[in-house]
Protein backbone atom coordinates (compact mmCIF):
# COMPACT_ATOMS: atom_id res chain seq x y z
CA ASN A 1 121.53 88.44 125.13
CA TYR A 2 120.52 85.55 122.82
CA ASP A 3 122.05 83.13 125.33
CA LYS A 4 119.64 84.36 128.05
CA LEU A 5 116.56 83.17 126.11
CA ASN A 6 114.81 79.99 127.27
CA VAL A 7 115.81 76.95 125.17
CA ARG A 8 113.03 74.70 123.88
CA THR A 9 115.36 72.38 121.95
CA GLY A 10 119.04 72.43 121.07
CA HIS A 11 118.58 70.15 118.05
CA TYR A 12 118.00 71.75 114.66
CA THR A 13 119.66 71.85 111.23
CA PRO A 14 120.86 75.30 110.12
CA ILE A 15 120.16 76.25 106.49
CA PRO A 16 122.75 78.33 104.57
CA SER A 17 120.16 81.00 103.64
CA GLY A 18 119.61 84.51 105.00
CA CYS A 19 122.23 86.47 106.94
CA SER A 20 122.66 88.84 109.87
CA PRO A 21 120.75 92.16 109.30
CA LEU A 22 124.01 94.18 109.34
CA ARG A 23 125.65 91.89 106.73
CA ARG A 24 122.95 92.13 104.07
CA GLU A 25 123.99 93.29 100.58
CA LEU A 26 123.55 97.05 100.24
CA ALA A 27 120.47 96.94 97.96
CA GLU A 28 118.73 94.51 100.34
CA TYR A 29 120.03 96.41 103.39
CA VAL A 30 118.33 99.61 102.15
CA ARG A 31 115.11 97.72 101.25
CA TYR A 32 114.90 96.39 104.82
CA GLY A 33 115.94 99.73 106.36
CA VAL A 34 114.64 102.66 108.41
CA ILE A 35 115.96 106.22 108.78
CA ASN A 36 115.66 108.25 111.99
CA LEU A 37 115.25 111.57 110.18
CA ASP A 38 115.42 115.07 111.68
CA LYS A 39 112.54 116.68 109.78
CA PRO A 40 113.29 120.26 108.66
CA ALA A 41 110.76 123.07 109.22
CA ASN A 42 108.34 124.15 106.42
CA PRO A 43 107.94 121.05 104.18
CA SER A 44 105.17 118.61 105.17
CA SER A 45 105.97 115.06 106.37
CA HIS A 46 104.57 113.67 103.10
CA GLU A 47 106.92 115.86 101.02
CA VAL A 48 109.97 114.87 103.11
CA VAL A 49 109.17 111.15 102.72
CA ALA A 50 108.71 111.59 98.93
CA TRP A 51 112.12 113.32 98.71
CA VAL A 52 113.79 110.44 100.57
CA ARG A 53 112.16 107.97 98.14
CA ARG A 54 113.53 109.97 95.19
CA ILE A 55 117.05 110.33 96.68
CA LEU A 56 117.44 106.62 97.54
CA ARG A 57 115.61 105.46 94.36
CA VAL A 58 113.37 102.99 96.19
CA GLU A 59 109.78 101.88 95.49
CA LYS A 60 108.02 102.68 98.77
CA THR A 61 108.51 104.85 101.84
CA GLY A 62 106.31 105.52 104.87
CA HIS A 63 106.61 107.45 108.13
CA SER A 64 105.88 106.97 111.84
CA GLY A 65 103.30 109.75 112.30
CA THR A 66 102.66 113.12 110.65
CA LEU A 67 104.39 116.28 111.85
CA ASP A 68 102.95 119.70 110.96
CA PRO A 69 104.99 121.66 108.37
CA LYS A 70 106.49 124.10 110.94
CA VAL A 71 107.36 121.30 113.43
CA THR A 72 110.85 119.74 113.44
CA GLY A 73 112.34 116.58 114.99
CA CYS A 74 112.15 112.77 114.87
CA LEU A 75 110.40 111.32 111.84
CA ILE A 76 111.04 107.59 111.37
CA VAL A 77 111.09 106.89 107.61
CA CYS A 78 110.49 103.23 106.70
CA ILE A 79 111.79 101.96 103.33
CA ASP A 80 110.22 99.22 101.12
CA ARG A 81 109.73 96.08 103.30
CA ALA A 82 110.00 98.13 106.50
CA THR A 83 106.78 99.99 105.55
CA ARG A 84 104.99 96.95 107.04
CA LEU A 85 105.97 98.29 110.48
CA VAL A 86 104.51 101.78 109.91
CA LYS A 87 101.18 100.98 111.63
CA SER A 88 102.89 99.73 114.81
CA GLN A 89 105.16 102.82 114.89
CA GLN A 90 102.32 105.30 114.36
CA GLY A 91 100.60 104.02 117.51
CA ALA A 92 103.77 104.28 119.66
CA GLY A 93 104.15 107.03 122.29
CA LYS A 94 105.79 110.36 121.46
CA GLU A 95 107.85 113.00 123.33
CA TYR A 96 107.89 116.74 122.55
CA VAL A 97 109.62 119.94 123.64
CA CYS A 98 107.25 122.87 123.22
CA VAL A 99 107.57 126.68 123.45
CA LEU A 100 104.42 128.29 124.89
CA ARG A 101 103.66 132.02 124.51
CA LEU A 102 101.33 133.46 127.15
CA HIS A 103 99.32 136.57 126.22
CA GLU A 104 100.01 138.33 129.57
CA ALA A 105 102.38 138.04 132.54
CA ILE A 106 101.40 135.62 135.34
CA GLU A 107 101.97 135.62 139.11
CA SER A 108 104.79 133.07 139.34
CA GLU A 109 106.57 130.14 137.75
CA LYS A 110 105.05 127.88 140.42
CA LYS A 111 101.53 128.52 139.10
CA LEU A 112 102.62 127.50 135.59
CA ALA A 113 104.24 124.29 136.93
CA GLN A 114 101.01 123.45 138.81
CA THR A 115 98.92 124.03 135.66
CA LEU A 116 101.23 121.73 133.69
CA GLU A 117 100.84 119.07 136.38
CA THR A 118 97.03 119.46 136.20
CA LEU A 119 97.15 118.59 132.51
CA THR A 120 98.49 115.07 133.15
CA GLY A 121 96.56 111.85 132.58
CA ALA A 122 93.57 111.38 130.27
CA LEU A 123 92.43 114.66 128.69
CA PHE A 124 89.60 115.67 126.38
CA GLN A 125 90.94 117.24 123.17
CA ARG A 126 89.36 118.60 120.01
CA PRO A 127 91.74 118.98 117.01
CA PRO A 128 92.67 122.60 116.13
CA LEU A 129 90.71 124.58 113.50
CA ILE A 130 93.41 123.94 110.90
CA SER A 131 93.89 120.16 111.02
CA ALA A 132 93.89 117.22 108.62
CA VAL A 133 91.35 115.17 110.61
CA LYS A 134 87.67 115.45 111.56
CA ARG A 135 87.17 117.80 114.53
CA GLN A 136 85.70 115.30 116.98
CA LEU A 137 86.17 115.31 120.74
CA ARG A 138 88.69 112.63 121.70
CA ILE A 139 90.55 111.39 124.78
CA ARG A 140 94.37 111.46 124.79
CA THR A 141 96.75 110.58 127.64
CA ILE A 142 99.64 112.77 128.85
CA HIS A 143 102.01 110.37 130.66
CA GLU A 144 104.51 112.89 132.04
CA SER A 145 105.41 116.57 131.73
CA LYS A 146 108.18 118.86 132.97
CA LEU A 147 108.67 122.66 132.95
CA LEU A 148 112.17 123.35 131.59
CA GLU A 149 112.33 127.18 131.41
CA PHE A 150 110.16 130.23 132.06
CA ASP A 151 110.62 133.93 131.22
CA ASN A 152 107.78 136.01 132.70
CA ASP A 153 108.98 139.27 131.10
CA ARG A 154 108.77 137.84 127.58
CA HIS A 155 105.75 135.62 128.46
CA LEU A 156 107.56 132.51 127.19
CA ALA A 157 107.70 128.99 128.69
CA VAL A 158 109.51 125.83 127.52
CA PHE A 159 108.21 122.44 128.66
CA TRP A 160 108.72 118.72 127.86
CA VAL A 161 105.86 116.23 127.44
CA ALA A 162 105.64 112.43 127.04
CA CYS A 163 102.25 111.59 125.55
CA GLU A 164 100.10 109.15 123.61
CA ALA A 165 100.15 109.15 119.78
CA GLY A 166 97.64 111.63 118.33
CA THR A 167 97.91 114.24 121.12
CA TYR A 168 97.59 117.84 119.88
CA MET A 169 100.21 120.04 121.56
CA ARG A 170 98.61 123.15 120.03
CA THR A 171 95.34 122.34 121.87
CA MET A 172 97.26 121.65 125.09
CA CYS A 173 98.89 125.12 124.92
CA VAL A 174 95.46 126.77 124.48
CA HIS A 175 94.16 124.81 127.51
CA MET A 176 97.13 125.97 129.61
CA GLY A 177 96.40 129.59 128.68
CA LEU A 178 92.74 129.15 129.69
CA LEU A 179 93.65 127.55 133.04
CA LEU A 180 96.09 130.38 133.81
CA GLY A 181 93.40 132.93 132.86
CA VAL A 182 95.68 134.90 130.50
CA GLY A 183 95.35 132.97 127.23
CA GLY A 184 98.19 131.34 125.33
CA HIS A 185 99.25 129.63 122.11
CA MET A 186 102.00 127.35 120.80
CA GLN A 187 105.03 129.25 119.53
CA GLU A 188 107.32 126.37 118.50
CA LEU A 189 107.42 122.56 118.68
CA ARG A 190 110.00 119.79 118.30
CA ARG A 191 109.48 116.04 118.56
CA VAL A 192 112.40 114.57 120.53
CA ARG A 193 111.26 110.91 120.54
CA SER A 194 109.03 108.71 118.40
CA GLY A 195 108.43 105.22 119.81
CA HIS A 196 111.75 104.23 121.31
CA MET A 197 113.91 106.13 118.76
CA GLY A 198 115.00 109.56 119.95
CA GLU A 199 117.36 112.41 119.03
CA GLU A 200 120.33 110.53 120.52
CA ASP A 201 119.70 107.39 118.37
CA ASP A 202 121.67 108.20 115.17
CA ILE A 203 119.33 110.99 114.02
CA VAL A 204 120.26 112.25 110.52
CA THR A 205 119.31 115.28 108.42
CA MET A 206 118.13 115.39 104.79
CA HIS A 207 121.64 116.59 103.82
CA ASP A 208 123.18 113.47 105.39
CA VAL A 209 120.88 111.22 103.31
CA LEU A 210 121.69 113.13 100.10
CA ASP A 211 125.47 113.10 100.81
CA ALA A 212 125.49 109.37 101.68
CA GLN A 213 123.78 108.48 98.38
CA TRP A 214 126.15 110.81 96.47
CA MET A 215 129.18 109.13 98.10
CA TYR A 216 127.93 105.68 97.07
CA ASP A 217 127.10 106.77 93.50
CA ASN A 218 130.45 108.50 92.92
CA THR A 219 132.99 106.63 95.10
CA LYS A 220 131.18 103.28 95.75
CA ASP A 221 131.70 103.87 99.49
CA GLU A 222 128.84 102.05 101.28
CA SER A 223 129.83 103.06 104.83
CA TYR A 224 127.96 106.43 104.81
CA LEU A 225 124.74 104.89 103.50
CA ARG A 226 124.95 102.07 106.06
CA ARG A 227 125.37 104.67 108.82
CA VAL A 228 122.33 106.69 107.68
CA VAL A 229 120.02 103.69 107.11
CA ARG A 230 119.45 101.32 110.05
CA PRO A 231 118.02 97.75 109.80
CA LEU A 232 114.27 97.54 110.53
CA GLU A 233 115.06 95.19 113.44
CA THR A 234 116.09 98.29 115.47
CA LEU A 235 112.38 99.22 115.71
CA LEU A 236 111.49 95.82 117.19
CA THR A 237 113.86 95.70 120.17
CA THR A 238 111.03 96.45 122.63
CA TYR A 239 109.02 93.34 121.61
CA LYS A 240 109.47 89.95 123.30
CA ARG A 241 111.22 87.48 121.00
CA ILE A 242 110.51 83.97 119.77
CA VAL A 243 113.32 82.25 117.81
CA VAL A 244 112.15 79.94 115.03
CA LYS A 245 113.92 76.98 113.36
CA ASP A 246 115.26 77.70 109.85
CA SER A 247 113.03 74.94 108.42
CA ALA A 248 109.87 76.73 109.66
CA VAL A 249 110.78 80.24 108.42
CA ASN A 250 109.35 80.04 104.89
CA ALA A 251 106.09 78.46 106.06
CA ILE A 252 105.60 81.49 108.37
CA CYS A 253 106.37 83.83 105.44
CA TYR A 254 103.45 82.13 103.63
CA GLY A 255 101.18 82.85 106.63
CA ALA A 256 101.35 79.57 108.59
CA LYS A 257 100.95 79.62 112.38
CA LEU A 258 104.05 78.82 114.45
CA MET A 259 103.63 75.38 116.05
CA ILE A 260 105.64 73.80 118.90
CA PRO A 261 107.94 71.71 116.58
CA GLY A 262 109.19 74.94 114.91
CA LEU A 263 110.04 76.66 118.23
CA LEU A 264 113.72 76.96 119.19
CA ARG A 265 114.03 79.65 121.90
CA TYR A 266 111.64 82.07 123.59
CA GLU A 267 111.74 84.95 126.04
CA SER A 268 110.48 84.89 129.64
CA GLY A 269 107.23 86.63 130.61
CA ILE A 270 105.25 86.11 127.40
CA GLU A 271 101.48 86.28 128.00
CA VAL A 272 98.58 85.04 125.82
CA ASN A 273 97.52 87.59 123.12
CA GLU A 274 100.72 89.61 123.64
CA GLU A 275 102.38 90.96 120.48
CA VAL A 276 105.74 89.24 119.88
CA VAL A 277 108.37 89.26 117.14
CA LEU A 278 109.33 85.99 115.42
CA MET A 279 112.99 85.92 114.42
CA THR A 280 115.57 83.60 112.86
CA THR A 281 118.72 82.31 114.56
CA LYS A 282 120.68 84.94 112.56
CA GLY A 283 118.62 87.78 114.08
CA GLU A 284 116.35 88.62 111.11
CA ALA A 285 112.73 89.58 111.83
CA ILE A 286 110.30 87.17 110.13
CA ALA A 287 106.94 88.50 111.33
CA LEU A 288 104.98 90.15 114.10
CA GLY A 289 102.78 87.59 115.84
CA ILE A 290 100.20 87.26 118.61
CA ALA A 291 101.23 84.73 121.28
CA GLN A 292 98.79 81.86 121.86
CA MET A 293 100.75 80.39 124.80
CA THR A 294 102.47 81.71 127.91
CA THR A 295 106.16 81.05 128.55
CA ALA A 296 105.28 78.32 131.08
CA VAL A 297 103.07 76.46 128.57
CA MET A 298 105.77 76.69 125.85
CA ALA A 299 108.22 74.98 128.21
CA THR A 300 105.92 72.04 129.06
CA CYS A 301 103.58 71.55 126.07
CA ASP A 302 104.46 69.03 123.32
CA HIS A 303 101.98 70.22 120.65
CA GLY A 304 99.84 73.23 119.73
CA VAL A 305 99.97 76.74 118.27
CA VAL A 306 102.66 79.02 119.75
CA ALA A 307 101.75 82.21 117.82
CA LYS A 308 99.39 83.46 115.12
CA ILE A 309 100.83 85.75 112.46
CA LYS A 310 99.80 89.42 112.53
CA ARG A 311 102.14 90.95 109.90
CA VAL A 312 104.76 89.16 107.78
CA ILE A 313 107.94 91.22 107.30
CA MET A 314 110.36 88.87 105.51
CA GLU A 315 110.11 88.27 101.75
CA ARG A 316 108.78 84.84 100.73
CA ASP A 317 111.30 82.19 99.62
CA THR A 318 114.25 83.94 101.33
CA TYR A 319 114.62 80.54 103.01
CA PRO A 320 113.83 77.28 101.10
CA ARG A 321 110.49 75.47 101.50
CA ARG A 322 110.66 72.74 104.09
CA TRP A 323 107.06 71.62 104.50
CA GLY A 324 105.64 68.31 103.21
CA LEU A 325 108.95 66.45 103.74
CA GLY A 326 107.84 64.08 106.53
CA PRO A 327 107.43 60.29 105.97
CA LYS A 328 103.60 60.49 105.85
CA ALA A 329 103.66 63.43 103.42
CA GLN A 330 106.16 61.60 101.15
CA GLU A 331 103.98 58.47 101.12
CA LYS A 332 100.91 60.58 100.27
CA LYS A 333 102.75 62.26 97.36
CA LYS A 334 103.74 58.82 95.98
CA LEU A 335 100.12 57.57 96.16
CA ILE A 336 98.89 60.70 94.33
CA LYS A 337 101.57 60.17 91.66
CA ASP A 338 100.53 56.50 91.21
CA GLY A 339 96.85 57.55 90.95
CA LYS A 340 95.83 55.76 94.16
CA LEU A 341 94.63 59.08 95.64
CA ASP A 342 92.97 61.93 93.75
CA LYS A 343 94.90 65.17 93.09
CA PHE A 344 93.60 66.64 96.40
CA GLY A 345 94.86 63.62 98.40
CA ARG A 346 91.39 62.15 98.95
CA THR A 347 90.77 58.40 98.95
CA THR A 348 89.47 56.61 95.82
CA GLU A 349 88.47 53.01 94.99
CA GLU A 350 92.14 52.17 94.25
CA THR A 351 93.43 53.46 97.61
CA PRO A 352 95.09 50.68 99.70
CA GLU A 353 93.07 49.54 102.74
CA GLY A 354 96.03 50.20 105.07
CA TRP A 355 96.07 53.89 104.06
CA LYS A 356 92.28 54.23 104.44
CA LYS A 357 92.42 52.73 107.94
CA ASP A 358 95.37 54.77 109.30
CA TYR A 359 94.97 58.10 107.49
CA VAL A 360 92.61 60.78 108.85
CA ASP A 361 91.51 63.56 106.47
CA TYR A 362 91.00 66.58 108.74
CA ASN A 363 89.56 68.67 105.90
CA ARG A 364 86.62 66.30 105.40
CA GLU A 365 83.60 66.51 107.66
CA ASP A 366 83.09 63.50 109.96
CA PRO A 367 80.54 61.02 108.63
CA ALA A 368 77.33 60.89 110.66
CA ALA A 369 77.68 58.69 113.73
CA PRO A 370 75.63 55.44 113.62
CA VAL A 371 72.31 55.96 115.40
CA ALA A 372 71.01 53.22 117.71
CA VAL A 373 67.77 51.70 116.42
CA ALA A 374 64.97 52.27 118.91
CA ALA A 375 61.68 50.38 119.23
CA PRO A 376 59.04 51.70 116.79
CA VAL A 377 56.68 54.19 118.38
CA VAL A 378 53.10 54.29 117.13
CA ALA A 379 51.98 57.90 116.61
CA ALA A 380 48.66 58.80 118.21
CA THR A 381 45.89 59.74 115.74
CA PRO A 382 45.58 63.52 115.67
CA ALA A 383 42.34 65.13 116.80
CA PRO A 384 40.10 66.62 114.06
CA ALA A 385 40.98 70.17 115.18
CA VAL A 386 44.68 69.40 114.71
CA LYS A 387 43.98 67.96 111.24
CA GLU A 388 42.23 71.18 110.20
CA GLU A 389 45.21 73.27 111.38
CA GLU A 390 47.59 71.12 109.33
CA LYS A 391 45.40 71.61 106.24
CA LYS A 392 45.42 75.38 106.78
CA ARG A 393 49.23 75.37 107.07
CA LYS A 394 49.66 73.34 103.89
CA ALA A 395 47.23 75.50 101.91
CA PRO A 396 49.29 78.77 102.01
CA GLU A 397 52.47 76.82 101.15
CA SER A 398 50.88 75.46 97.96
CA SER A 399 49.45 78.90 97.14
CA ASP A 400 52.95 80.44 97.55
CA GLU A 401 54.33 77.91 95.06
CA SER A 402 51.58 78.69 92.53
CA ASP A 403 52.18 82.46 92.99
CA SER A 404 55.89 82.08 92.29
CA GLY A 405 55.05 80.03 89.14
CA LYS A 406 52.68 82.74 87.90
CA LYS A 407 55.26 85.45 88.52
CA LYS A 408 57.82 83.48 86.52
CA GLU A 409 55.40 83.12 83.57
CA LYS A 410 54.59 86.85 83.62
CA LYS A 411 58.30 87.70 83.62
CA GLU A 412 58.95 85.41 80.62
CA LYS A 413 56.03 86.94 78.69
CA LYS A 414 57.33 90.44 79.41
CA VAL A 415 60.83 89.54 78.17
CA LYS A 416 59.37 88.02 74.96
CA LYS A 417 57.25 91.13 74.37
CA GLU A 418 60.27 93.43 74.79
CA LYS A 419 62.32 91.33 72.34
CA LYS A 420 59.50 91.45 69.76
CA GLU A 421 59.19 95.25 70.10
CA LYS A 422 62.94 95.67 69.62
CA LYS A 423 62.83 93.47 66.50
CA ASP A 424 59.93 95.46 65.00
CA LYS A 425 61.70 98.76 65.63
CA LYS A 426 64.84 97.44 63.95
CA GLU A 427 62.89 96.28 60.86
CA LYS A 428 61.10 99.66 60.56
CA LYS A 429 64.45 101.46 60.78
CA GLU A 430 65.92 99.28 58.02
CA LYS A 431 62.88 99.88 55.76
CA LYS A 432 63.16 103.66 56.25
CA SER A 433 66.89 103.65 55.42
CA LYS A 434 66.25 101.57 52.24
CA LYS A 435 63.47 103.96 51.17
CA ALA A 436 65.75 106.98 51.71
CA ASP A 437 68.50 105.35 49.62
CA SER A 438 66.08 104.63 46.72
CA ASP A 439 64.76 108.24 46.82
CA SER A 440 68.28 109.66 46.63
CA GLU A 441 69.02 107.51 43.57
């Protein structure tokens, strides 16, 4: 739906750098990739991520939020450059399917459904006894929940929950048991969605990752590895997009703000301070940014900052440098080369008058504005009481200065004394050693 984006300008010069995320070379494709992994039970999330790093032989891996060792399900593994998106994924909402074991039989399924409905919205939670974080009381939101199955004879219930990141399902099961008056605990748990990537979105197992790498190593068949690893851009489809000119891409990679001249297309409904993704015309993610303008302002404004950079994703110098190529910048470079400006571009005695008059140095502070000369005002002679007060004020100031001078002298004397003592000790030591040598002879 690139054609449905609002067009700021149709005029720009494409640069033959970069390529579509799906057409990257395999090594680069993996470096800018993510895996929607089905975590097996028993190993910890950290172990699983370390195994993936070893299998794919990459430098860095990260994940979208810890799962307990016994828990299975969606674990988004980010590789190399994609690890820059880990923070945004860890804060995304999660969905779980949980098996609850009640300690006794209850009246009816309806009562359980009502209890589940009660535990919706903002809840107080304290992490379980065995947890990797400090056990502080915290508020977590349950967005939606649904009872899927209930077996009163076996005291088992299966329910689905959509919740905020950092919600403890184990604590929620204990709370349900308390509300029902029979007690309960979590029997089993599976994460079915992390952020907007779920079980149905190309989820792969550890065996799939291992087999895909084996196929590439032994048969040079890339297709399996490309199926297992997805481009990092798949994680950013929920963000509103701003398309940037190719000439502005590298400046953004170096941390520059996106200005109006670099804007090509933008999505409707962007608000100020909303998180957006900056992308190239080929569909590559450049950076996550914070919008400084609404869509309406982008359409009408002719200058200003469109977005500040929050997190740069693209490697520097993927696209060539295109800043400092304007007529004014070229003229400035020539003057620096000829020695008519200093190496920082500031004016000197040899700078032409025309340049001094037209050029404004925004880095230099404005010289003080000329002050209008007013008629001289004769000060009234102070009363004797006022004079005495002034004398009193001046006296402590002078005494402070003398005190600081005395302190300095004392300090210097102390340092000299210490040096002398050290010297004497050294001489005594040398004399003793000489005496001992002569005695031994």
